[in-house]
C-alpha cells in the first residue's frame, strides 16, 4: 500500500511539472521574437507582444560570463514593440538577451557569427 501511494504521488507530480513547463514555454514563445538568429552582422530584429500599455520593459544583453553589455528600458504605447538590437560593436559570439516586464522575465540566446 505504501509503495503504491508513493508511485501514484510521484507520477502525479511528474505530470504536473510537465504541464506547468509546457505552459510557460508556450507563453515565452508567443511573446518575444528575435531574428535573424544567428546574425552575421550583429543586428537582430526584436518583437515583443502581449505587453501592458505604458508598462516599462527592460531589455538587457549579457555576455557568457555574465557581464551586462547592453541595457535599455522602453515604454511601449501599444501592446507590441518592434525594434532592433545591435551587437556589431561587440566581438562575435553568443550572448544572452533578457526581456523583463512586470513580473515576467524571458531570456533568449543570441548568436553573432
Protein backbone atom coordinates (compact mmCIF):
# COMPACT_ATOMS: atom_id res chain seq x y z
CA UNK A 1 0.00 0.00 0.00
CA UNK A 2 2.77 2.43 0.95
CA UNK A 3 4.69 1.84 -2.31
CA UNK A 4 1.53 2.24 -4.38
CA UNK A 5 0.87 5.63 -2.79
CA UNK A 6 4.46 6.77 -3.41
CA UNK A 7 4.33 5.64 -7.05
CA UNK A 8 0.97 7.33 -7.72
CA UNK A 9 2.09 10.55 -5.99
CA UNK A 10 5.35 10.57 -7.96
CA UNK A 11 3.51 10.11 -11.28
CA UNK A 12 1.06 12.91 -10.41
CA UNK A 13 3.90 15.31 -9.56
CA UNK A 14 5.74 14.44 -12.80
CA UNK A 15 2.61 15.12 -14.86
CA UNK A 16 2.05 18.44 -13.05
CA UNK A 17 5.66 19.51 -13.64
CA UNK A 18 5.44 18.67 -17.35
CA UNK A 19 2.14 20.55 -17.68
CA UNK A 20 3.46 23.70 -15.99
CA UNK A 21 6.71 23.63 -18.01
CA UNK A 22 4.79 23.29 -21.30
CA UNK A 23 2.54 26.23 -20.42
CA UNK A 24 5.46 28.52 -19.50
CA UNK A 25 7.38 27.58 -22.66
CA UNK A 26 4.33 28.32 -24.84
CA UNK A 27 3.89 31.76 -23.20
CA UNK A 28 7.53 32.66 -23.82
CA UNK A 29 7.44 31.69 -27.49
CA UNK A 30 4.38 33.83 -28.24
CA UNK A 31 5.66 36.98 -26.54
CA UNK A 32 9.22 37.53 -27.81
CA UNK A 33 10.72 37.03 -31.27
CA UNK A 34 14.34 37.67 -32.19
CA UNK A 35 15.52 37.27 -35.77
CA UNK A 36 17.66 36.56 -37.69
CA UNK A 37 19.34 34.32 -35.19
CA UNK A 38 22.18 33.66 -35.82
CA UNK A 39 23.13 37.06 -37.24
CA UNK A 40 26.20 37.64 -39.39
CA UNK A 41 26.23 41.44 -38.95
CA UNK A 42 25.28 41.63 -35.25
CA UNK A 43 21.87 43.23 -35.83
CA UNK A 44 18.76 41.47 -34.55
CA UNK A 45 15.11 42.44 -35.01
CA UNK A 46 13.17 42.25 -31.73
CA UNK A 47 9.39 41.91 -31.44
CA UNK A 48 7.66 41.75 -28.08
CA UNK A 49 3.89 41.22 -27.99
CA UNK A 50 1.25 40.97 -25.27
CA UNK A 51 2.66 43.96 -23.38
CA UNK A 52 0.72 46.10 -20.95
CA UNK A 53 0.26 49.62 -22.28
CA UNK A 54 2.76 52.11 -20.82
CA UNK A 55 4.44 49.46 -18.66
CA UNK A 56 8.26 49.77 -18.74
CA UNK A 57 10.13 46.89 -20.36
CA UNK A 58 13.78 46.25 -19.54
CA UNK A 59 15.94 44.88 -22.36
CA UNK A 60 19.42 43.67 -21.39
CA UNK A 61 22.13 41.71 -23.16
CA UNK A 62 24.80 39.76 -21.27
CA UNK A 63 27.95 38.01 -22.45
CA UNK A 64 28.50 34.41 -21.40
CA UNK A 65 30.47 35.34 -18.29
CA UNK A 66 27.54 37.40 -17.02
CA UNK A 67 28.71 40.94 -17.83
CA UNK A 68 25.96 43.29 -18.97
CA UNK A 69 26.96 44.61 -22.40
CA UNK A 70 23.78 46.49 -23.33
CA UNK A 71 20.73 47.80 -21.48
CA UNK A 72 17.71 49.88 -22.36
CA UNK A 73 14.27 50.50 -20.97
CA UNK A 74 11.34 51.04 -23.30
CA UNK A 75 7.76 52.07 -22.58
CA UNK A 76 5.57 50.89 -25.45
CA UNK A 77 2.38 52.83 -26.13
CA UNK A 78 0.72 49.81 -27.70
CA UNK A 79 0.78 46.08 -26.89
CA UNK A 80 3.52 45.41 -29.45
CA UNK A 81 7.13 46.61 -29.57
CA UNK A 82 9.26 46.31 -32.70
CA UNK A 83 12.87 47.38 -32.54
CA UNK A 84 16.46 46.41 -33.16
CA UNK A 85 19.37 45.21 -31.09
CA UNK A 86 22.83 45.86 -32.48
CA UNK A 87 25.81 43.91 -31.18
CA UNK A 88 28.03 44.92 -34.11
CA UNK A 89 30.41 46.88 -31.81
CA UNK A 90 30.98 43.72 -29.74
CA UNK A 91 33.09 40.66 -30.52
CA UNK A 92 31.34 37.84 -32.37
CA UNK A 93 29.99 35.15 -30.06
CA UNK A 94 26.99 34.01 -28.04
CA UNK A 95 25.06 36.46 -25.86
CA UNK A 96 22.00 36.22 -23.62
CA UNK A 97 19.04 38.55 -24.15
CA UNK A 98 16.84 39.25 -21.12
CA UNK A 99 13.44 40.93 -21.51
CA UNK A 100 11.62 41.81 -18.27
CA UNK A 101 8.20 43.40 -17.86
CA UNK A 102 6.37 43.45 -14.55
CA UNK A 103 6.70 40.00 -13.02
CA UNK A 104 7.61 38.31 -16.33
CA UNK A 105 11.19 37.68 -17.36
CA UNK A 106 12.24 35.95 -20.57
CA UNK A 107 15.66 35.03 -21.91
CA UNK A 108 16.91 34.18 -25.37
CA UNK A 109 20.27 33.15 -26.76
CA UNK A 110 21.69 35.47 -29.44
CA UNK A 111 24.34 34.11 -31.81
CA UNK A 112 26.53 36.69 -33.56
CA UNK A 113 28.63 34.78 -36.08
